[in-house]
Amino acid sequence: MKKTIKIIPTIICMTLMTGACTDLDETVYSDVTEANFDYGTNIGTAMGMVYKDLKVIADYTKNFSLQEASTDAIVMPANASGWYNGGEYNRAHHHTWTSMEPQLEAFWNEFVSGVVKCNTALDLLNSGRLEASKEDIEYAKYEVRAVRAFYYWYLTDLFGDFPLVTTTAEQALPEKTPRADICSWIEGELIEIIPHLTEESGINQYGRMNQWAARTLLATLYLNWEVYTGTPRWEDCITQCDEVINSRKYDLEANYKDAFKAYGMETSSEIIFTIPYDNATHSWGNRLHCASWHSLCQKVFSLTDGPYGEGCIAAVPQFIDTYDEDDTRLEDTWLMGKMYLPDGSPALIETGANKGKQLEFKKEMKDGDLVEEGEGYRMWKFEVAKGSYAQSDTDYPLFRYADVLMMKAEALLRLGRSGAGALVTQVRQRAFRDTDPSKATVTDEQLAENSCYRYGYVENYRIVDDGDQTPVKFGRMYDELGWEFVWECHRRRDAIRFGVYTTKSWLSHKPNGDYRIVFPLPEKKLAANPNLKQNPDYVD
């Protein structure tokens, strides 16, 4: 079936930003098989609601601090203006998190809510109460199942074994399903669903699961299959990537920054699946800049609302040192250097110990726990339009065409087959086009080399303990993934797959146990359901 239900993108945006149709209790886990949602009889509303909880992916207080701030690329240190937040961001950096972390519970609540909405929507689609044609209803079922598969992929990626619940029928409190079984279930769902999803891309499918988004999800699942189950599936990853590539539905944007613009992304050639934000109309947006920038940036960039204090989310200096100086993704991704007001005058700090000094974002950090004002490069990847509020309208891409090319390259590399270098070169070309085009070319052999990352434990701006210096297999490929996808919640999965996450030291981080490739189940969820057991090596 190739028919597409015409849901205007703003309906999805509206349901992403508001919770008007639901009221999920904080103890959502024990109610995971039941929900009372009033979707009315409009199929567009029912479809839109299943996407709502994806918004948590880019929330720095929830998923972002788990996926990015626990890695070797980004850190969220405290400073004189605050940002300690009970130590939760420091613990993410140190890998000393516990089952009491607020971001774990918040993410669990919202993504389990997403599963519940999908199950409830499927019941509604089967009920005969919706005002829609039989063809539209049948198509909607496949789309909802694809979104549900995405939710479950993310949940098992973070937590490992997880309760797999696919019905709203009342039943006993569920036990955890093994991670490998969840992966097999997701695979089976997607294989069945994909032929029935539309091949259409563009504005009518923006922010929605079409056939190519589902194939990219399946490729991502296969890419990480060895981590999840112990058995690699590189050939299967390549097969799905080839389906997307050969469709000719997508291409790389001419400029790297064009994939992260504040407006007009509905017609992007690169975006396969995204979270559409519209803060001005629907009260929820992309607020990464407000957690990264200094409050003075409100004047620097003519914003309606200001960022918070001295800002928090910043680059790990050792990661910045990995960039080639001619790679334009460095300046396209990171806000750095001295800040100036729109009239060209220096942006002078207005309060505190540095009052009267020009605001400058410096690469160096004395450590990853408590930093001085202006230490660490800040977010510049996502455009923040003039006049933006604390939450901007800039959409957050979940899958880009660059993902597909880089996944195929990595799979080829791991299989010992040729072609990885040509694919990575294709992605690199726009980053060196205006500087030194010859540097865009990278070979298969170079991608197999060790990472150029200078790992080691830092005190007072210096590495004082090298830690594990074992070469990273295919380390250059790992570096390439970092330069292309930092800020997009890829880094934790990549670091685990390349054996870096629990072995290397960086900034104030030292290894703290291989079991930390998954997070603990939130304490409140264990209390709500006695059938749940904590993940190994975490204390109940």
Protein backbone atom coordinates (compact mmCIF):
# COMPACT_ATOMS: atom_id res chain seq x y z
CA MET A 1 0.00 0.00 0.00
CA LYS A 2 1.52 3.34 -1.04
CA LYS A 3 -1.30 5.63 0.05
CA THR A 4 -0.38 8.44 2.44
CA ILE A 5 -2.71 9.91 5.02
CA LYS A 6 -2.55 13.66 4.57
CA ILE A 7 -1.67 14.90 8.02
CA ILE A 8 -0.44 18.48 7.93
CA PRO A 9 3.01 18.74 9.55
CA THR A 10 1.65 21.30 12.03
CA ILE A 11 -0.61 18.63 13.51
CA ILE A 12 2.43 16.55 14.35
CA CYS A 13 4.17 19.66 15.63
CA MET A 14 1.19 20.55 17.79
CA THR A 15 1.01 17.14 19.37
CA LEU A 16 4.74 17.08 19.92
CA MET A 17 4.56 20.27 21.89
CA THR A 18 1.43 19.87 23.98
CA GLY A 19 -0.02 17.27 26.28
CA ALA A 20 -3.64 18.36 26.05
CA CYS A 21 -5.00 14.96 25.10
CA THR A 22 -3.22 12.97 27.77
CA ASP A 23 -2.51 13.00 31.44
CA LEU A 24 0.00 10.30 32.20
CA ASP A 25 0.71 9.63 35.83
CA GLU A 26 4.30 9.79 37.05
CA THR A 27 4.05 6.10 37.99
CA VAL A 28 3.44 5.35 34.34
CA TYR A 29 5.36 2.08 34.49
CA SER A 30 2.73 0.18 36.48
CA ASP A 31 0.06 1.45 34.06
CA VAL A 32 1.99 0.64 30.90
CA THR A 33 -0.73 -1.67 29.58
CA GLU A 34 -3.59 0.74 30.24
CA ALA A 35 -4.35 4.32 29.25
CA ASN A 36 -7.38 6.54 28.90
CA PHE A 37 -6.65 8.93 26.08
CA ASP A 38 -9.37 10.92 24.39
CA TYR A 39 -8.29 11.04 20.75
CA GLY A 40 -11.78 11.87 19.56
CA THR A 41 -12.66 10.54 16.12
CA ASN A 42 -10.05 12.40 14.05
CA ILE A 43 -7.44 10.12 12.57
CA GLY A 44 -4.98 13.02 12.23
CA THR A 45 -5.07 13.68 15.97
CA ALA A 46 -4.72 9.99 16.75
CA MET A 47 -1.71 9.73 14.46
CA GLY A 48 -0.10 12.91 15.74
CA MET A 49 -0.28 11.86 19.37
CA VAL A 50 2.00 8.87 18.87
CA TYR A 51 4.85 11.21 17.92
CA LYS A 52 4.47 13.54 20.90
CA ASP A 53 7.01 12.00 23.26
CA LEU A 54 9.88 12.02 20.77
CA LYS A 55 10.52 15.60 21.89
CA VAL A 56 12.41 14.29 24.93
CA ILE A 57 15.32 13.13 22.75
CA ALA A 58 16.75 16.65 22.43
CA ASP A 59 15.98 17.67 26.03
CA TYR A 60 19.22 18.35 27.89
CA THR A 61 17.58 17.53 31.23
CA LYS A 62 16.66 14.07 30.02
CA ASN A 63 17.99 12.08 27.08
CA PHE A 64 20.69 14.51 25.90
CA SER A 65 22.65 14.38 29.15
CA LEU A 66 22.59 10.58 28.93
CA GLN A 67 23.53 10.22 25.26
CA GLU A 68 25.99 13.09 24.83
CA ALA A 69 27.21 14.39 28.21
CA SER A 70 28.29 10.89 29.22
CA THR A 71 30.74 10.75 26.30
CA ASP A 72 34.16 12.03 25.28
CA ALA A 73 32.77 14.87 23.14
CA ILE A 74 30.45 16.93 25.36
CA VAL A 75 30.42 17.80 29.05
CA MET A 76 28.01 19.71 31.32
CA PRO A 77 30.13 21.18 34.14
CA ALA A 78 28.97 23.45 36.93
CA ASN A 79 30.16 27.06 37.20
CA ALA A 80 29.72 30.12 39.41
CA SER A 81 26.20 30.70 38.05
CA GLY A 82 25.03 27.22 39.00
CA TRP A 83 24.34 24.20 36.79
CA TYR A 84 25.29 21.69 39.46
CA ASN A 85 21.71 20.32 39.53
CA GLY A 86 22.36 17.99 42.42
CA GLY A 87 25.41 16.61 40.63
CA GLU A 88 23.45 14.73 37.96
CA TYR A 89 25.45 16.19 35.05
CA ASN A 90 28.76 15.55 36.83
CA ARG A 91 27.72 11.97 37.46
CA ALA A 92 26.90 11.56 33.77
CA HIS A 93 30.47 12.66 32.97
CA HIS A 94 32.04 10.42 35.61
CA HIS A 95 29.78 7.42 34.86
CA THR A 96 28.75 7.32 38.50
CA TRP A 97 25.01 7.65 37.91
CA THR A 98 22.58 5.74 40.11
CA SER A 99 19.02 4.49 39.75
CA MET A 100 17.84 7.72 41.38
CA GLU A 101 18.87 10.03 38.53
CA PRO A 102 16.01 12.37 37.56
CA GLN A 103 16.85 12.28 33.86
CA LEU A 104 16.50 8.48 33.81
CA GLU A 105 13.04 8.59 35.33
CA ALA A 106 11.95 11.51 33.14
CA PHE A 107 13.08 9.79 29.95
CA TRP A 108 11.47 6.49 31.00
CA ASN A 109 8.16 8.24 31.71
CA GLU A 110 8.00 9.97 28.36
CA PHE A 111 9.13 7.11 26.16
CA VAL A 112 6.94 4.57 27.92
CA SER A 113 4.18 7.11 27.47
CA GLY A 114 4.98 7.00 23.75
CA VAL A 115 4.60 3.21 23.74
CA VAL A 116 1.28 3.50 25.56
CA LYS A 117 0.01 6.05 23.05
CA CYS A 118 0.98 3.76 20.18
CA ASN A 119 -0.79 0.77 21.74
CA THR A 120 -3.84 2.89 22.47
CA ALA A 121 -3.86 4.34 18.96
CA LEU A 122 -3.77 0.83 17.50
CA ASP A 123 -6.78 -0.12 19.62
CA LEU A 124 -8.58 2.97 18.39
CA LEU A 125 -7.70 2.21 14.77
CA ASN A 126 -9.18 -1.25 15.25
CA SER A 127 -12.30 0.04 16.99
CA GLY A 128 -14.21 1.37 13.98
CA ARG A 129 -14.79 4.72 15.74
CA LEU A 130 -12.54 6.84 13.55
CA GLU A 131 -13.90 8.91 10.70
CA ALA A 132 -11.61 7.61 7.99
CA SER A 133 -11.57 5.22 5.07
CA LYS A 134 -10.59 1.61 5.56
CA GLU A 135 -7.49 2.22 3.45
CA ASP A 136 -6.39 5.15 5.61
CA ILE A 137 -6.94 3.18 8.80
CA GLU A 138 -4.93 0.22 7.55
CA TYR A 139 -2.08 2.50 6.52
CA ALA A 140 -2.16 4.28 9.89
CA LYS A 141 -1.71 0.99 11.71
CA TYR A 142 1.58 0.38 9.91
CA GLU A 143 2.80 3.89 10.64
CA VAL A 144 1.97 3.64 14.33
CA ARG A 145 3.76 0.31 14.58
CA ALA A 146 6.85 1.86 12.99
CA VAL A 147 6.86 4.66 15.55
CA ARG A 148 6.39 2.13 18.35
CA ALA A 149 9.40 0.20 17.03
CA PHE A 150 11.43 3.41 17.26
CA TYR A 151 10.40 3.91 20.89
CA TYR A 152 11.36 0.36 21.78
CA TRP A 153 14.69 0.61 19.97
CA TYR A 154 15.58 3.65 22.03
CA LEU A 155 14.41 2.07 25.30
CA THR A 156 16.38 -1.13 24.81
CA ASP A 157 19.40 0.86 23.68
CA LEU A 158 19.45 2.78 26.97
CA PHE A 159 18.21 0.16 29.42
CA GLY A 160 19.02 -3.20 27.82
CA ASP A 161 16.41 -5.78 28.88
CA PHE A 162 13.05 -4.02 29.02
CA PRO A 163 9.36 -4.97 29.35
CA LEU A 164 7.91 -5.53 25.87
CA VAL A 165 4.21 -4.65 26.00
CA THR A 166 2.26 -4.44 22.75
CA THR A 167 -1.34 -4.36 23.99
CA THR A 168 -3.52 -2.29 26.28
CA ALA A 169 -5.30 -5.37 27.60
CA GLU A 170 -5.12 -5.70 31.36
CA GLN A 171 -2.50 -8.15 32.55
CA ALA A 172 -0.09 -8.75 35.39
CA LEU A 173 2.77 -6.31 35.82
CA PRO A 174 5.23 -7.30 33.10
CA GLU A 175 8.72 -8.64 33.55
CA LYS A 176 11.70 -7.59 31.49
CA THR A 177 12.13 -9.06 28.02
CA PRO A 178 15.73 -9.90 27.03
CA ARG A 179 17.36 -7.26 24.87
CA ALA A 180 18.06 -9.73 22.07
CA ASP A 181 14.37 -10.70 21.97
CA ILE A 182 13.31 -7.05 21.78
CA CYS A 183 15.72 -6.52 18.88
CA SER A 184 14.29 -9.54 17.07
CA TRP A 185 10.77 -8.23 17.67
CA ILE A 186 11.69 -4.77 16.31
CA GLU A 187 13.32 -6.39 13.28
CA GLY A 188 10.24 -8.51 12.60
CA GLU A 189 7.93 -5.52 12.96
CA LEU A 190 9.93 -3.38 10.58
CA ILE A 191 10.34 -6.09 7.97
CA GLU A 192 6.58 -6.58 7.93
CA ILE A 193 5.79 -2.87 8.03
CA ILE A 194 8.25 -1.42 5.51
CA PRO A 195 6.56 -2.60 2.27
CA HIS A 196 3.31 -0.96 3.38
CA LEU A 197 4.78 2.46 4.24
CA THR A 198 4.78 5.25 1.69
CA GLU A 199 7.84 5.91 -0.43
CA GLU A 200 6.91 9.58 -0.50
CA SER A 201 9.30 12.06 1.10
CA GLY A 202 9.11 15.81 1.50
CA ILE A 203 6.68 18.13 3.22
CA ASN A 204 3.76 15.69 3.59
CA GLN A 205 6.01 13.17 5.33
CA TYR A 206 8.13 15.63 7.28
CA GLY A 207 8.51 14.46 10.88
CA ARG A 208 6.76 11.17 10.10
CA MET A 209 7.79 7.58 9.58
CA ASN A 210 7.89 6.73 5.89
CA GLN A 211 9.50 3.69 4.29
CA TRP A 212 12.95 5.30 4.24
CA ALA A 213 12.86 6.36 7.89
CA ALA A 214 11.87 2.81 8.83
CA ARG A 215 14.70 1.37 6.73
CA THR A 216 17.17 3.76 8.36
CA LEU A 217 15.93 2.65 11.77
CA LEU A 218 16.40 -0.99 10.75
CA ALA A 219 19.92 -0.24 9.47
CA THR A 220 20.72 1.48 12.78
CA LEU A 221 19.45 -1.55 14.65
CA TYR A 222 21.67 -3.83 12.55
CA LEU A 223 24.65 -1.48 13.02
CA ASN A 224 24.41 -1.98 16.78
CA TRP A 225 23.21 -5.59 16.67
CA GLU A 226 26.52 -6.98 17.92
CA VAL A 227 26.39 -4.71 20.98
CA TYR A 228 22.78 -5.66 21.63
CA THR A 229 22.98 -9.40 21.01
CA GLY A 230 26.62 -10.47 20.57
CA THR A 231 26.21 -11.29 16.87
CA PRO A 232 27.13 -8.81 14.09
CA ARG A 233 24.72 -8.00 11.25
CA TRP A 234 26.90 -5.79 9.01
CA GLU A 235 25.61 -7.24 5.72
CA ASP A 236 22.03 -6.58 6.75
CA CYS A 237 22.95 -3.01 7.66
CA ILE A 238 24.41 -2.49 4.19
CA THR A 239 21.30 -3.94 2.55
CA GLN A 240 19.03 -1.43 4.25
CA CYS A 241 21.40 1.48 3.57
CA ASP A 242 21.50 0.52 -0.11
CA GLU A 243 17.70 0.59 -0.27
CA VAL A 244 17.72 4.21 0.93
CA ILE A 245 20.65 5.21 -1.27
CA ASN A 246 19.21 3.58 -4.39
CA SER A 247 15.82 5.21 -3.85
CA ARG A 248 17.40 8.56 -4.80
CA LYS A 249 14.93 10.24 -2.48
CA TYR A 250 17.66 11.91 -0.40
CA ASP A 251 20.98 13.62 -0.82
CA LEU A 252 23.47 15.60 1.24
CA GLU A 253 22.78 19.30 1.60
CA ALA A 254 25.32 21.43 -0.25
CA ASN A 255 26.40 23.03 3.03
CA TYR A 256 26.71 21.29 6.38
CA LYS A 257 24.82 24.06 8.22
CA ASP A 258 21.88 23.74 5.84
CA ALA A 259 20.80 20.54 7.62
CA PHE A 260 20.29 22.46 10.87
CA LYS A 261 18.52 25.65 9.82
CA ALA A 262 15.77 27.18 11.93
CA TYR A 263 13.24 27.29 9.10
CA GLY A 264 12.51 25.64 5.78
CA MET A 265 13.71 22.15 6.64
CA GLU A 266 10.49 20.59 5.34
CA THR A 267 12.05 20.58 1.87
CA SER A 268 15.54 19.47 2.93
CA SER A 269 17.09 16.80 0.74
CA GLU A 270 19.03 15.39 3.71
CA ILE A 271 16.49 15.01 6.50
CA ILE A 272 14.93 11.54 6.68
CA PHE A 273 13.27 11.72 10.10
CA THR A 274 13.14 14.63 12.51
CA ILE A 275 11.50 16.19 15.55
CA PRO A 276 9.61 19.27 14.30
CA TYR A 277 9.60 22.14 16.78
CA ASP A 278 7.47 25.28 16.75
CA ASN A 279 7.94 27.12 20.02
CA ALA A 280 6.14 30.32 19.10
CA THR A 281 2.86 28.51 18.46
CA HIS A 282 3.07 25.38 20.57
CA SER A 283 5.23 26.23 23.63
CA TRP A 284 7.95 23.65 23.19
CA GLY A 285 11.14 23.91 21.21
CA ASN A 286 14.81 23.17 20.88
CA ARG A 287 16.48 24.66 23.96
CA LEU A 288 20.02 23.33 23.66
CA HIS A 289 21.34 26.84 23.02
CA CYS A 290 19.85 28.08 26.29
CA ALA A 291 21.68 25.38 28.21
CA SER A 292 24.94 26.05 26.40
CA TRP A 293 25.21 29.80 25.80
CA HIS A 294 26.09 32.54 28.28
CA SER A 295 23.19 34.84 29.23
CA LEU A 296 24.98 37.70 27.45
CA CYS A 297 24.32 35.87 24.18
CA GLN A 298 20.78 37.21 24.37
CA LYS A 299 22.19 40.58 23.34
CA VAL A 300 24.87 39.15 21.05
CA PHE A 301 22.31 37.28 18.94
CA SER A 302 19.26 39.53 19.51
CA LEU A 303 17.14 36.90 21.25
CA THR A 304 13.76 37.48 22.89
CA ASP A 305 14.71 35.34 25.89
CA GLY A 306 18.12 34.82 27.40
CA PRO A 307 20.14 31.67 27.99
CA TYR A 308 20.77 30.60 31.57
CA GLY A 309 23.63 32.06 33.61
CA GLU A 310 27.08 31.28 32.26
CA GLY A 311 25.79 28.32 30.25
CA CYS A 312 26.67 24.69 30.72
CA ILE A 313 26.85 22.32 27.73
CA ALA A 314 30.29 22.59 26.20
CA ALA A 315 32.90 20.72 24.18
CA VAL A 316 35.47 18.46 25.79
CA PRO A 317 38.76 20.17 24.77
CA GLN A 318 40.36 16.86 23.83
CA PHE A 319 37.57 16.31 21.31
CA ILE A 320 38.08 19.76 19.78
CA ASP A 321 41.76 18.92 19.33
CA THR A 322 40.82 16.05 16.99
CA TYR A 323 39.48 18.37 14.26
CA ASP A 324 41.54 19.24 11.21
CA GLU A 325 42.00 23.01 11.15
CA ASP A 326 40.57 23.12 7.62
CA ASP A 327 37.42 21.17 8.53
CA THR A 328 34.66 23.78 8.40
CA ARG A 329 32.50 21.60 10.67
CA LEU A 330 34.58 22.94 13.57
CA GLU A 331 33.30 26.49 13.10
CA ASP A 332 29.91 25.26 11.89
CA THR A 333 29.39 23.24 15.08
CA TRP A 334 31.03 25.22 17.89
CA LEU A 335 30.62 28.79 19.13
CA MET A 336 34.11 30.03 19.98
CA GLY A 337 36.21 33.12 20.48
CA LYS A 338 35.31 36.67 21.50
CA MET A 339 31.69 37.77 21.38
CA TYR A 340 30.49 41.05 19.90
CA LEU A 341 27.18 42.91 20.03
CA PRO A 342 25.20 43.54 16.81
CA ASP A 343 26.74 47.03 16.52
CA GLY A 344 30.24 45.53 16.49
CA SER A 345 31.20 46.56 20.00
CA PRO A 346 32.63 43.99 22.45
CA ALA A 347 30.09 42.04 24.50
CA LEU A 348 31.12 42.92 28.05
CA ILE A 349 30.24 40.67 30.99
CA GLU A 350 27.83 42.57 33.22
CA THR A 351 28.07 40.81 36.59
CA GLY A 352 30.38 38.71 38.71
CA ALA A 353 34.13 38.49 39.03
CA ASN A 354 34.68 39.14 35.30
CA LYS A 355 32.44 42.19 35.08
CA GLY A 356 33.65 44.52 32.34
CA LYS A 357 35.65 41.88 30.51
CA GLN A 358 34.75 40.80 26.99
CA LEU A 359 32.92 37.48 26.85
CA GLU A 360 35.11 34.89 25.18
CA PHE A 361 34.50 31.18 24.74
CA LYS A 362 37.84 29.42 25.14
CA LYS A 363 38.62 25.83 24.29
CA GLU A 364 40.41 25.05 27.55
CA MET A 365 38.77 23.67 30.68
CA LYS A 366 40.56 23.08 33.94
CA ASP A 367 38.41 19.97 34.49
CA GLY A 368 34.94 18.62 33.79
CA ASP A 369 33.34 19.40 37.14
CA LEU A 370 33.60 23.13 37.90
CA VAL A 371 34.81 25.58 35.25
CA GLU A 372 35.56 29.26 34.94
CA GLU A 373 33.33 31.68 33.03
CA GLY A 374 33.62 31.21 29.28
CA GLU A 375 35.52 27.93 29.43
CA GLY A 376 34.58 25.45 26.74
CA TYR A 377 33.31 25.97 23.18
CA ARG A 378 29.52 26.13 22.97
CA MET A 379 26.70 24.99 20.69
CA TRP A 380 26.65 26.51 17.19
CA LYS A 381 25.33 23.58 15.18
CA PHE A 382 21.61 24.35 15.31
CA GLU A 383 20.66 27.74 13.96
CA VAL A 384 19.00 30.01 16.51
CA ALA A 385 17.04 32.64 14.63
CA LYS A 386 17.07 36.28 15.63
CA GLY A 387 14.26 36.94 18.10
CA SER A 388 14.12 33.32 19.29
CA TYR A 389 12.70 32.47 22.67
CA ALA A 390 14.37 30.28 25.29
CA GLN A 391 13.17 27.39 23.16
CA SER A 392 13.90 27.87 19.48
CA ASP A 393 12.00 26.63 16.42
CA THR A 394 14.97 24.69 15.07
CA ASP A 395 14.01 21.09 14.35
CA TYR A 396 16.14 18.22 15.63
CA PRO A 397 17.13 15.59 13.05
CA LEU A 398 16.94 11.96 14.13
CA PHE A 399 18.08 10.43 10.82
CA ARG A 400 19.96 12.24 8.05
CA TYR A 401 21.18 10.95 4.69
CA ALA A 402 24.70 11.34 6.11
CA ASP A 403 23.75 8.65 8.66
CA VAL A 404 22.99 6.21 5.87
CA LEU A 405 26.29 6.83 4.06
CA MET A 406 28.33 6.58 7.25
CA MET A 407 26.56 3.43 8.46
CA LYS A 408 27.28 1.70 5.16
CA ALA A 409 30.90 2.87 5.32
CA GLU A 410 31.38 1.48 8.82
CA ALA A 411 29.77 -1.84 7.93
CA LEU A 412 31.98 -2.20 4.84
CA LEU A 413 35.03 -1.39 6.91
CA ARG A 414 34.20 -4.00 9.53
CA LEU A 415 33.61 -6.61 6.83
CA GLY A 416 36.97 -5.86 5.25
CA ARG A 417 35.33 -4.81 2.00
CA SER A 418 36.32 -1.82 -0.10
CA GLY A 419 34.28 1.35 -0.47
CA ALA A 420 34.19 2.84 3.02
CA GLY A 421 36.66 5.58 2.15
CA ALA A 422 34.67 6.71 -0.89
CA LEU A 423 31.48 7.05 1.18
CA VAL A 424 33.17 8.99 3.99
CA THR A 425 34.88 11.18 1.40
CA GLN A 426 31.46 12.00 0.00
CA VAL A 427 30.36 13.23 3.44
CA ARG A 428 33.63 15.13 4.02
CA GLN A 429 33.68 17.02 0.72
CA ARG A 430 31.38 19.84 1.80
CA ALA A 431 33.47 20.35 4.95
CA PHE A 432 36.67 21.01 2.96
CA ARG A 433 35.25 22.50 -0.25
CA ASP A 434 36.14 26.09 0.67
CA THR A 435 39.40 25.38 2.50
CA ASP A 436 41.48 22.52 1.09
CA PRO A 437 39.44 20.11 -1.09
CA SER A 438 42.30 17.63 -1.23
CA LYS A 439 41.83 16.93 2.47
CA ALA A 440 38.31 15.64 1.89
CA THR A 441 39.64 12.37 0.51
CA VAL A 442 40.07 9.55 2.97
CA THR A 443 40.95 5.92 2.20
CA ASP A 444 39.76 2.62 3.60
CA GLU A 445 43.21 2.13 5.11
CA GLN A 446 43.12 5.49 6.89
CA LEU A 447 39.70 4.72 8.38
CA ALA A 448 41.18 1.57 9.92
CA GLU A 449 43.87 3.56 11.76
CA ASN A 450 43.81 4.49 15.44
CA SER A 451 41.80 7.49 16.62
CA CYS A 452 43.65 10.80 16.80
CA TYR A 453 41.91 11.55 20.13
CA ARG A 454 44.44 12.25 22.91
CA TYR A 455 42.81 10.32 25.74
CA GLY A 456 43.80 10.90 29.34
CA TYR A 457 42.63 12.29 32.68
CA VAL A 458 42.86 16.08 33.07
CA GLU A 459 43.62 18.22 36.11
CA ASN A 460 44.20 21.98 35.90
CA TYR A 461 44.22 21.96 32.10
CA ARG A 462 46.80 19.18 31.78
CA ILE A 463 46.60 15.44 31.19
CA VAL A 464 48.04 13.89 34.35
CA ASP A 465 47.09 10.25 33.75
CA ASP A 466 47.06 8.69 30.27
CA GLY A 467 44.87 5.77 31.28
CA ASP A 468 44.22 3.07 28.71
CA GLN A 469 46.10 3.88 25.49
CA THR A 470 45.13 0.73 23.58
CA PRO A 471 44.63 1.69 19.90
CA VAL A 472 40.98 2.07 18.92
CA LYS A 473 40.15 -0.36 16.13
CA PHE A 474 38.84 1.62 13.15
CA GLY A 475 39.51 4.68 15.28
CA ARG A 476 39.61 7.09 12.35
CA MET A 477 36.09 5.99 11.44
CA TYR A 478 35.08 6.74 15.03
CA ASP A 479 36.61 10.21 14.69
CA GLU A 480 34.70 10.82 11.46
CA LEU A 481 31.41 9.95 13.18
CA GLY A 482 32.17 12.44 15.93
CA TRP A 483 32.92 15.33 13.58
CA GLU A 484 29.75 14.71 11.60
CA PHE A 485 27.21 13.84 14.32
CA VAL A 486 28.21 15.50 17.60
CA TRP A 487 25.14 17.11 19.28
CA GLU A 488 22.80 14.61 17.56
CA CYS A 489 22.72 11.96 20.33
CA HIS A 490 24.87 9.45 18.42
CA ARG A 491 28.07 9.60 20.43
CA ARG A 492 27.22 7.20 23.26
CA ARG A 493 26.20 4.41 20.86
CA ASP A 494 29.26 5.03 18.71
CA ALA A 495 31.60 5.06 21.73
CA ILE A 496 30.17 1.74 22.94
CA ARG A 497 30.44 0.15 19.49
CA PHE A 498 34.07 1.22 19.10
CA GLY A 499 35.03 0.07 22.61
CA VAL A 500 35.77 3.56 23.96
CA TYR A 501 32.88 4.28 26.32
CA THR A 502 33.99 2.18 29.30
CA THR A 503 37.73 1.95 28.66
CA LYS A 504 39.16 5.42 28.05
CA SER A 505 39.79 8.48 30.23
CA TRP A 506 38.93 12.02 29.14
CA LEU A 507 38.73 15.32 31.02
CA SER A 508 37.57 14.35 34.55
CA HIS A 509 36.26 10.95 33.47
CA LYS A 510 37.88 7.62 34.26
CA PRO A 511 36.45 4.18 33.36
CA ASN A 512 33.89 2.97 35.85
CA GLY A 513 32.77 -0.49 34.74
CA ASP A 514 31.69 -2.18 31.51
CA TYR A 515 28.20 -2.70 32.92
CA ARG A 516 27.58 1.00 32.34
CA ILE A 517 26.92 0.46 28.65
CA VAL A 518 23.31 0.32 29.84
CA PHE A 519 21.67 2.53 32.43
CA PRO A 520 19.98 1.33 35.62
CA LEU A 521 16.22 1.08 35.82
CA PRO A 522 14.81 4.06 37.73
CA GLU A 523 14.25 3.32 41.39
CA LYS A 524 10.60 4.42 41.36
CA LYS A 525 9.85 2.00 38.54
CA LEU A 526 11.33 -0.89 40.50
CA ALA A 527 9.18 0.07 43.48
CA ALA A 528 6.07 0.31 41.30
CA ASN A 529 6.56 -3.13 39.77
CA PRO A 530 8.04 -5.93 41.92
CA ASN A 531 8.42 -8.06 38.78
CA LEU A 532 11.23 -5.80 37.58
CA LYS A 533 14.83 -6.64 38.43
CA GLN A 534 17.65 -4.12 38.37
CA ASN A 535 20.29 -4.37 35.67
CA PRO A 536 23.41 -6.36 36.66
CA ASP A 537 25.98 -4.65 38.93
CA TYR A 538 23.67 -1.77 39.79
CA VAL A 539 22.49 -1.73 43.39
CA ASP A 540 18.72 -2.01 43.85
